[in-house]
């Protein structure tokens, strides 16, 4: 039995990390291995994915003591899914 997510929308944080995740800065096209995997999964399970580029920030604490980057996206409830590399 196939799981049907009924077109549900998810957000995932990514960083440019060829060949796994490749982001063309000008056209915002995602075309790496992991991006292809997400595309195949989204078609199979019927969901859409909004990939959010964190521009190389995996996670740091800023001067105000708050997390930024992918970790900040999780902590601040911006992202339910994060791709680490």
PDB file of N, CA and C in Angstrom:
ATOM      1  N   UNK A   1       0.847  -1.175   0.000  1.00  0.00           N
ATOM      2  CA  UNK A   1       0.000   0.000   0.000  1.00  0.00           C
ATOM      3  C   UNK A   1       0.899   1.247   0.000  1.00  0.00           C
ATOM      4  N   UNK A   2       0.625   2.168  -0.885  1.00  0.00           N
ATOM      5  CA  UNK A   2       1.387   3.400  -0.989  1.00  0.00           C
ATOM      6  C   UNK A   2       0.784   4.473  -0.083  1.00  0.00           C
ATOM      7  N   UNK A   3       1.649   5.190   0.630  1.00  0.00           N
ATOM      8  CA  UNK A   3       1.216   6.298   1.473  1.00  0.00           C
ATOM      9  C   UNK A   3       0.940   7.510   0.583  1.00  0.00           C
ATOM     10  N   UNK A   4      -0.256   8.069   0.651  1.00  0.00           N
ATOM     11  CA  UNK A   4      -0.625   9.249  -0.120  1.00  0.00           C
ATOM     12  C   UNK A   4      -0.721  10.428   0.842  1.00  0.00           C
ATOM     13  N   UNK A   5       0.190  11.373   0.692  1.00  0.00           N
ATOM     14  CA  UNK A   5       0.193  12.552   1.567  1.00  0.00           C
ATOM     15  C   UNK A   5      -0.727  13.659   1.062  1.00  0.00           C
ATOM     16  N   UNK A   6      -1.516  13.372   0.043  1.00  0.00           N
ATOM     17  CA  UNK A   6      -2.593  14.229  -0.445  1.00  0.00           C
ATOM     18  C   UNK A   6      -2.164  15.664  -0.744  1.00  0.00           C
ATOM     19  N   UNK A   7      -1.013  15.798  -1.387  1.00  0.00           N
ATOM     20  CA  UNK A   7      -0.563  17.124  -1.809  1.00  0.00           C
ATOM     21  C   UNK A   7      -0.049  18.013  -0.700  1.00  0.00           C
ATOM     22  N   UNK A   8       0.209  17.444   0.457  1.00  0.00           N
ATOM     23  CA  UNK A   8       0.687  18.232   1.604  1.00  0.00           C
ATOM     24  C   UNK A   8       2.001  18.938   1.259  1.00  0.00           C
ATOM     25  N   UNK A   9       2.202  20.128   1.800  1.00  0.00           N
ATOM     26  CA  UNK A   9       3.399  20.917   1.527  1.00  0.00           C
ATOM     27  C   UNK A   9       4.356  20.848   2.718  1.00  0.00           C
ATOM     28  N   UNK A  10       5.640  20.587   2.424  1.00  0.00           N
ATOM     29  CA  UNK A  10       6.681  20.532   3.444  1.00  0.00           C
ATOM     30  C   UNK A  10       7.769  21.543   3.117  1.00  0.00           C
ATOM     31  N   UNK A  11       8.501  21.957   4.131  1.00  0.00           N
ATOM     32  CA  UNK A  11       9.661  22.834   3.963  1.00  0.00           C
ATOM     33  C   UNK A  11      10.897  22.047   4.390  1.00  0.00           C
ATOM     34  N   UNK A  12      11.968  22.177   3.619  1.00  0.00           N
ATOM     35  CA  UNK A  12      13.221  21.510   3.957  1.00  0.00           C
ATOM     36  C   UNK A  12      14.362  22.498   3.778  1.00  0.00           C
ATOM     37  N   UNK A  13      15.271  22.519   4.703  1.00  0.00           N
ATOM     38  CA  UNK A  13      16.444  23.384   4.619  1.00  0.00           C
ATOM     39  C   UNK A  13      17.590  22.651   3.955  1.00  0.00           C
ATOM     40  N   UNK A  14      18.281  23.341   3.042  1.00  0.00           N
ATOM     41  CA  UNK A  14      19.412  22.748   2.349  1.00  0.00           C
ATOM     42  C   UNK A  14      20.554  23.753   2.263  1.00  0.00           C
ATOM     43  N   UNK A  15      21.715  23.258   1.906  1.00  0.00           N
ATOM     44  CA  UNK A  15      22.870  24.084   1.611  1.00  0.00           C
ATOM     45  C   UNK A  15      23.510  23.568   0.336  1.00  0.00           C
ATOM     46  N   UNK A  16      24.118  24.457  -0.414  1.00  0.00           N
ATOM     47  CA  UNK A  16      24.833  24.099  -1.637  1.00  0.00           C
ATOM     48  C   UNK A  16      25.999  23.187  -1.254  1.00  0.00           C
ATOM     49  N   UNK A  17      25.969  21.937  -1.738  1.00  0.00           N
ATOM     50  CA  UNK A  17      26.992  20.958  -1.403  1.00  0.00           C
ATOM     51  C   UNK A  17      27.119  19.946  -2.543  1.00  0.00           C
ATOM     52  N   UNK A  18      27.743  20.348  -3.680  1.00  0.00           N
ATOM     53  CA  UNK A  18      27.852  19.455  -4.837  1.00  0.00           C
ATOM     54  C   UNK A  18      28.614  18.177  -4.487  1.00  0.00           C
ATOM     55  N   UNK A  19      28.291  17.038  -5.064  1.00  0.00           N
ATOM     56  CA  UNK A  19      27.215  16.798  -6.026  1.00  0.00           C
ATOM     57  C   UNK A  19      25.892  16.442  -5.351  1.00  0.00           C
ATOM     58  N   UNK A  20      25.869  16.448  -4.017  1.00  0.00           N
ATOM     59  CA  UNK A  20      24.661  16.045  -3.299  1.00  0.00           C
ATOM     60  C   UNK A  20      23.522  17.036  -3.468  1.00  0.00           C
ATOM     61  N   UNK A  21      23.791  18.282  -3.252  1.00  0.00           N
ATOM     62  CA  UNK A  21      22.771  19.311  -3.370  1.00  0.00           C
ATOM     63  C   UNK A  21      23.388  20.494  -4.108  1.00  0.00           C
ATOM     64  N   UNK A  22      22.892  20.759  -5.301  1.00  0.00           N
ATOM     65  CA  UNK A  22      23.449  21.811  -6.152  1.00  0.00           C
ATOM     66  C   UNK A  22      22.389  22.878  -6.369  1.00  0.00           C
ATOM     67  N   UNK A  23      22.729  24.116  -6.036  1.00  0.00           N
ATOM     68  CA  UNK A  23      21.794  25.230  -6.185  1.00  0.00           C
ATOM     69  C   UNK A  23      22.391  26.225  -7.159  1.00  0.00           C
ATOM     70  N   UNK A  24      21.702  26.458  -8.274  1.00  0.00           N
ATOM     71  CA  UNK A  24      22.112  27.467  -9.239  1.00  0.00           C
ATOM     72  C   UNK A  24      21.596  28.802  -8.711  1.00  0.00           C
ATOM     73  N   UNK A  25      22.507  29.651  -8.266  1.00  0.00           N
ATOM     74  CA  UNK A  25      22.136  30.892  -7.575  1.00  0.00           C
ATOM     75  C   UNK A  25      21.266  31.792  -8.448  1.00  0.00           C
ATOM     76  N   UNK A  26      21.568  31.875  -9.741  1.00  0.00           N
ATOM     77  CA  UNK A  26      20.819  32.785 -10.613  1.00  0.00           C
ATOM     78  C   UNK A  26      19.400  32.305 -10.885  1.00  0.00           C
ATOM     79  N   UNK A  27      19.234  31.019 -11.178  1.00  0.00           N
ATOM     80  CA  UNK A  27      17.907  30.536 -11.544  1.00  0.00           C
ATOM     81  C   UNK A  27      17.214  29.815 -10.398  1.00  0.00           C
ATOM     82  N   UNK A  28      17.909  29.631  -9.271  1.00  0.00           N
ATOM     83  CA  UNK A  28      17.366  28.963  -8.085  1.00  0.00           C
ATOM     84  C   UNK A  28      16.924  27.531  -8.390  1.00  0.00           C
ATOM     85  N   UNK A  29      17.620  26.877  -9.327  1.00  0.00           N
ATOM     86  CA  UNK A  29      17.307  25.492  -9.675  1.00  0.00           C
ATOM     87  C   UNK A  29      18.086  24.570  -8.752  1.00  0.00           C
ATOM     88  N   UNK A  30      17.403  23.568  -8.226  1.00  0.00           N
ATOM     89  CA  UNK A  30      18.013  22.570  -7.376  1.00  0.00           C
ATOM     90  C   UNK A  30      18.202  21.321  -8.229  1.00  0.00           C
ATOM     91  N   UNK A  31      19.448  20.829  -8.360  1.00  0.00           N
ATOM     92  CA  UNK A  31      19.678  19.720  -9.274  1.00  0.00           C
ATOM     93  C   UNK A  31      20.770  18.758  -8.804  1.00  0.00           C
ATOM     94  N   UNK A  32      20.893  18.510  -7.550  1.00  0.00           N
ATOM     95  CA  UNK A  32      21.855  17.552  -7.042  1.00  0.00           C
ATOM     96  C   UNK A  32      21.211  16.197  -6.777  1.00  0.00           C
ATOM     97  N   UNK A  33      22.012  15.242  -6.320  1.00  0.00           N
ATOM     98  CA  UNK A  33      21.520  13.899  -6.038  1.00  0.00           C
ATOM     99  C   UNK A  33      20.375  13.919  -5.028  1.00  0.00           C
ATOM    100  N   UNK A  34      20.565  14.609  -3.908  1.00  0.00           N
ATOM    101  CA  UNK A  34      19.530  14.639  -2.871  1.00  0.00           C
ATOM    102  C   UNK A  34      18.288  15.381  -3.344  1.00  0.00           C
ATOM    103  N   UNK A  35      18.483  16.395  -4.167  1.00  0.00           N
ATOM    104  CA  UNK A  35      17.346  17.130  -4.714  1.00  0.00           C
ATOM    105  C   UNK A  35      16.525  16.234  -5.642  1.00  0.00           C
ATOM    106  N   UNK A  36      17.211  15.409  -6.424  1.00  0.00           N
ATOM    107  CA  UNK A  36      16.530  14.448  -7.296  1.00  0.00           C
ATOM    108  C   UNK A  36      15.768  13.424  -6.464  1.00  0.00           C
ATOM    109  N   UNK A  37      16.383  12.970  -5.380  1.00  0.00           N
ATOM    110  CA  UNK A  37      15.730  12.013  -4.490  1.00  0.00           C
ATOM    111  C   UNK A  37      14.443  12.617  -3.910  1.00  0.00           C
ATOM    112  N   UNK A  38      14.500  13.861  -3.441  1.00  0.00           N
ATOM    113  CA  UNK A  38      13.301  14.520  -2.911  1.00  0.00           C
ATOM    114  C   UNK A  38      12.223  14.633  -3.990  1.00  0.00           C
ATOM    115  N   UNK A  39      12.626  14.924  -5.222  1.00  0.00           N
ATOM    116  CA  UNK A  39      11.660  15.047  -6.323  1.00  0.00           C
ATOM    117  C   UNK A  39      10.951  13.715  -6.583  1.00  0.00           C
ATOM    118  N   UNK A  40      11.708  12.627  -6.622  1.00  0.00           N
ATOM    119  CA  UNK A  40      11.129  11.300  -6.845  1.00  0.00           C
ATOM    120  C   UNK A  40      10.184  10.932  -5.706  1.00  0.00           C
ATOM    121  N   UNK A  41      10.615  11.171  -4.468  1.00  0.00           N
ATOM    122  CA  UNK A  41       9.773  10.854  -3.312  1.00  0.00           C
ATOM    123  C   UNK A  41       8.491  11.683  -3.307  1.00  0.00           C
ATOM    124  N   UNK A  42       8.609  12.967  -3.673  1.00  0.00           N
ATOM    125  CA  UNK A  42       7.424  13.822  -3.657  1.00  0.00           C
ATOM    126  C   UNK A  42       6.399  13.374  -4.707  1.00  0.00           C
ATOM    127  N   UNK A  43       6.871  12.898  -5.844  1.00  0.00           N
ATOM    128  CA  UNK A  43       5.948  12.395  -6.857  1.00  0.00           C
ATOM    129  C   UNK A  43       5.310  11.083  -6.400  1.00  0.00           C
ATOM    130  N   UNK A  44       6.101  10.199  -5.828  1.00  0.00           N
ATOM    131  CA  UNK A  44       5.600   8.888  -5.412  1.00  0.00           C
ATOM    132  C   UNK A  44       4.591   9.003  -4.267  1.00  0.00           C
ATOM    133  N   UNK A  45       4.904   9.849  -3.276  1.00  0.00           N
ATOM    134  CA  UNK A  45       4.051   9.965  -2.098  1.00  0.00           C
ATOM    135  C   UNK A  45       3.076  11.134  -2.162  1.00  0.00           C
ATOM    136  N   UNK A  46       3.057  11.867  -3.282  1.00  0.00           N
ATOM    137  CA  UNK A  46       2.112  12.955  -3.511  1.00  0.00           C
ATOM    138  C   UNK A  46       2.223  14.067  -2.467  1.00  0.00           C
ATOM    139  N   UNK A  47       3.382  14.704  -2.434  1.00  0.00           N
ATOM    140  CA  UNK A  47       3.564  15.891  -1.599  1.00  0.00           C
ATOM    141  C   UNK A  47       4.442  16.881  -2.352  1.00  0.00           C
ATOM    142  N   UNK A  48       4.438  18.114  -1.918  1.00  0.00           N
ATOM    143  CA  UNK A  48       5.321  19.109  -2.529  1.00  0.00           C
ATOM    144  C   UNK A  48       6.313  19.584  -1.476  1.00  0.00           C
ATOM    145  N   UNK A  49       7.422  20.102  -1.967  1.00  0.00           N
ATOM    146  CA  UNK A  49       8.510  20.469  -1.073  1.00  0.00           C
ATOM    147  C   UNK A  49       9.038  21.833  -1.446  1.00  0.00           C
ATOM    148  N   UNK A  50       9.131  22.705  -0.470  1.00  0.00           N
ATOM    149  CA  UNK A  50       9.733  24.016  -0.649  1.00  0.00           C
ATOM    150  C   UNK A  50      11.132  23.945  -0.036  1.00  0.00           C
ATOM    151  N   UNK A  51      12.174  23.973  -0.889  1.00  0.00           N
ATOM    152  CA  UNK A  51      13.549  23.906  -0.407  1.00  0.00           C
ATOM    153  C   UNK A  51      14.035  25.307  -0.068  1.00  0.00           C
ATOM    154  N   UNK A  52      14.503  25.485   1.160  1.00  0.00           N
ATOM    155  CA  UNK A  52      14.961  26.785   1.634  1.00  0.00           C
ATOM    156  C   UNK A  52      16.481  26.739   1.738  1.00  0.00           C
ATOM    157  N   UNK A  53      17.152  27.604   0.982  1.00  0.00           N
ATOM    158  CA  UNK A  53      18.613  27.665   0.954  1.00  0.00           C
ATOM    159  C   UNK A  53      19.116  28.483   2.148  1.00  0.00           C
ATOM    160  N   UNK A  54      19.940  27.866   2.973  1.00  0.00           N
ATOM    161  CA  UNK A  54      20.513  28.565   4.118  1.00  0.00           C
ATOM    162  C   UNK A  54      21.918  29.072   3.840  1.00  0.00           C
ATOM    163  N   UNK A  55      22.290  29.098   2.564  1.00  0.00           N
ATOM    164  CA  UNK A  55      23.520  29.728   2.075  1.00  0.00           C
ATOM    165  C   UNK A  55      24.758  29.316   2.862  1.00  0.00           C
ATOM    166  N   UNK A  56      24.902  28.029   3.103  1.00  0.00           N
ATOM    167  CA  UNK A  56      26.105  27.512   3.747  1.00  0.00           C
ATOM    168  C   UNK A  56      26.108  27.538   5.258  1.00  0.00           C
ATOM    169  N   UNK A  57      25.078  28.080   5.868  1.00  0.00           N
ATOM    170  CA  UNK A  57      25.009  28.148   7.330  1.00  0.00           C
ATOM    171  C   UNK A  57      24.387  26.876   7.879  1.00  0.00           C
ATOM    172  N   UNK A  58      25.183  26.087   8.557  1.00  0.00           N
ATOM    173  CA  UNK A  58      24.656  24.856   9.150  1.00  0.00           C
ATOM    174  C   UNK A  58      24.106  25.105  10.550  1.00  0.00           C
ATOM    175  N   UNK A  59      24.707  25.988  11.285  1.00  0.00           N
ATOM    176  CA  UNK A  59      24.209  26.303  12.613  1.00  0.00           C
ATOM    177  C   UNK A  59      25.271  26.932  13.480  1.00  0.00           C
ATOM    178  N   UNK A  60      25.018  28.125  13.909  1.00  0.00           N
ATOM    179  CA  UNK A  60      25.894  28.873  14.822  1.00  0.00           C
ATOM    180  C   UNK A  60      25.025  29.689  15.763  1.00  0.00           C
ATOM    181  N   UNK A  61      25.625  30.050  16.866  1.00  0.00           N
ATOM    182  CA  UNK A  61      24.949  30.959  17.793  1.00  0.00           C
ATOM    183  C   UNK A  61      25.452  32.369  17.508  1.00  0.00           C
ATOM    184  N   UNK A  62      24.522  33.292  17.249  1.00  0.00           N
ATOM    185  CA  UNK A  62      24.924  34.666  16.942  1.00  0.00           C
ATOM    186  C   UNK A  62      25.233  35.447  18.221  1.00  0.00           C
ATOM    187  N   UNK A  63      25.555  36.711  18.071  1.00  0.00           N
ATOM    188  CA  UNK A  63      25.923  37.557  19.215  1.00  0.00           C
ATOM    189  C   UNK A  63      24.785  37.733  20.218  1.00  0.00           C
ATOM    190  N   UNK A  64      23.545  37.549  19.773  1.00  0.00           N
ATOM    191  CA  UNK A  64      22.384  37.674  20.663  1.00  0.00           C
ATOM    192  C   UNK A  64      22.057  36.363  21.371  1.00  0.00           C
ATOM    193  N   UNK A  65      22.878  35.317  21.118  1.00  0.00           N
ATOM    194  CA  UNK A  65      22.644  34.029  21.762  1.00  0.00           C
ATOM    195  C   UNK A  65      21.588  33.180  21.093  1.00  0.00           C
ATOM    196  N   UNK A  66      21.223  33.523  19.852  1.00  0.00           N
ATOM    197  CA  UNK A  66      20.210  32.752  19.141  1.00  0.00           C
ATOM    198  C   UNK A  66      20.854  31.930  18.035  1.00  0.00           C
ATOM    199  N   UNK A  67      20.283  30.733  17.812  1.00  0.00           N
ATOM    200  CA  UNK A  67      20.782  29.873  16.754  1.00  0.00           C
ATOM    201  C   UNK A  67      20.362  30.423  15.393  1.00  0.00           C
ATOM    202  N   UNK A  68      21.276  30.339  14.419  1.00  0.00           N
ATOM    203  CA  UNK A  68      20.996  30.709  13.034  1.00  0.00           C
ATOM    204  C   UNK A  68      21.349  29.517  12.143  1.00  0.00           C
ATOM    205  N   UNK A  69      21.065  29.610  10.868  1.00  0.00           N
ATOM    206  CA  UNK A  69      21.362  28.535   9.930  1.00  0.00           C
ATOM    207  C   UNK A  69      20.327  27.429  10.007  1.00  0.00           C
ATOM    208  N   UNK A  70      20.726  26.225   9.541  1.00  0.00           N
ATOM    209  CA  UNK A  70      19.795  25.095   9.533  1.00  0.00           C
ATOM    210  C   UNK A  70      19.310  24.745  10.936  1.00  0.00           C
ATOM    211  N   UNK A  71      20.207  24.770  11.905  1.00  0.00           N
ATOM    212  CA  UNK A  71      19.806  24.480  13.291  1.00  0.00           C
ATOM    213  C   UNK A  71      18.807  25.528  13.771  1.00  0.00           C
ATOM    214  N   UNK A  72      19.062  26.797  13.472  1.00  0.00           N
ATOM    215  CA  UNK A  72      18.123  27.852  13.824  1.00  0.00           C
ATOM    216  C   UNK A  72      16.773  27.643  13.163  1.00  0.00           C
ATOM    217  N   UNK A  73      16.783  27.135  11.918  1.00  0.00           N
ATOM    218  CA  UNK A  73      15.526  26.839  11.234  1.00  0.00           C
ATOM    219  C   UNK A  73      14.702  25.804  11.968  1.00  0.00           C
ATOM    220  N   UNK A  74      15.367  24.801  12.526  1.00  0.00           N
ATOM    221  CA  UNK A  74      14.654  23.786  13.310  1.00  0.00           C
ATOM    222  C   UNK A  74      14.164  24.348  14.638  1.00  0.00           C
ATOM    223  N   UNK A  75      15.048  25.001  15.352  1.00  0.00           N
ATOM    224  CA  UNK A  75      14.714  25.521  16.687  1.00  0.00           C
ATOM    225  C   UNK A  75      13.611  26.572  16.623  1.00  0.00           C
ATOM    226  N   UNK A  76      13.667  27.420  15.611  1.00  0.00           N
ATOM    227  CA  UNK A  76      12.688  28.509  15.485  1.00  0.00           C
ATOM    228  C   UNK A  76      11.443  28.099  14.708  1.00  0.00           C
ATOM    229  N   UNK A  77      11.278  26.794  14.481  1.00  0.00           N
ATOM    230  CA  UNK A  77      10.091  26.229  13.838  1.00  0.00           C
ATOM    231  C   UNK A  77       9.878  26.754  12.418  1.00  0.00           C
ATOM    232  N   UNK A  78      10.978  27.055  11.725  1.00  0.00           N
ATOM    233  CA  UNK A  78      10.899  27.436  10.315  1.00  0.00           C
ATOM    234  C   UNK A  78      10.921  26.177   9.458  1.00  0.00           C
ATOM    235  N   UNK A  79      11.645  25.156   9.930  1.00  0.00           N
ATOM    236  CA  UNK A  79      11.828  23.920   9.171  1.00  0.00           C
ATOM    237  C   UNK A  79      11.429  22.694   9.971  1.00  0.00           C
ATOM    238  N   UNK A  80      10.652  21.814   9.360  1.00  0.00           N
ATOM    239  CA  UNK A  80      10.410  20.517   9.988  1.00  0.00           C
ATOM    240  C   UNK A  80      11.433  19.476   9.513  1.00  0.00           C
ATOM    241  N   UNK A  81      12.080  19.727   8.348  1.00  0.00           N
ATOM    242  CA  UNK A  81      13.016  18.782   7.758  1.00  0.00           C
ATOM    243  C   UNK A  81      14.304  19.522   7.430  1.00  0.00           C
ATOM    244  N   UNK A  82      15.440  18.941   7.779  1.00  0.00           N
ATOM    245  CA  UNK A  82      16.732  19.542   7.463  1.00  0.00           C
ATOM    246  C   UNK A  82      17.624  18.503   6.820  1.00  0.00           C
ATOM    247  N   UNK A  83      18.319  18.896   5.774  1.00  0.00           N
ATOM    248  CA  UNK A  83      19.277  18.030   5.088  1.00  0.00           C
ATOM    249  C   UNK A  83      20.667  18.468   5.506  1.00  0.00           C
ATOM    250  N   UNK A  84      21.388  17.615   6.216  1.00  0.00           N
ATOM    251  CA  UNK A  84      22.746  17.924   6.660  1.00  0.00           C
ATOM    252  C   UNK A  84      23.750  17.202   5.774  1.00  0.00           C
ATOM    253  N   UNK A  85      24.873  17.831   5.539  1.00  0.00           N
ATOM    254  CA  UNK A  85      25.994  17.219   4.832  1.00  0.00           C
ATOM    255  C   UNK A  85      27.248  17.805   5.361  1.00  0.00           C
TER     256      UNK A  85
END
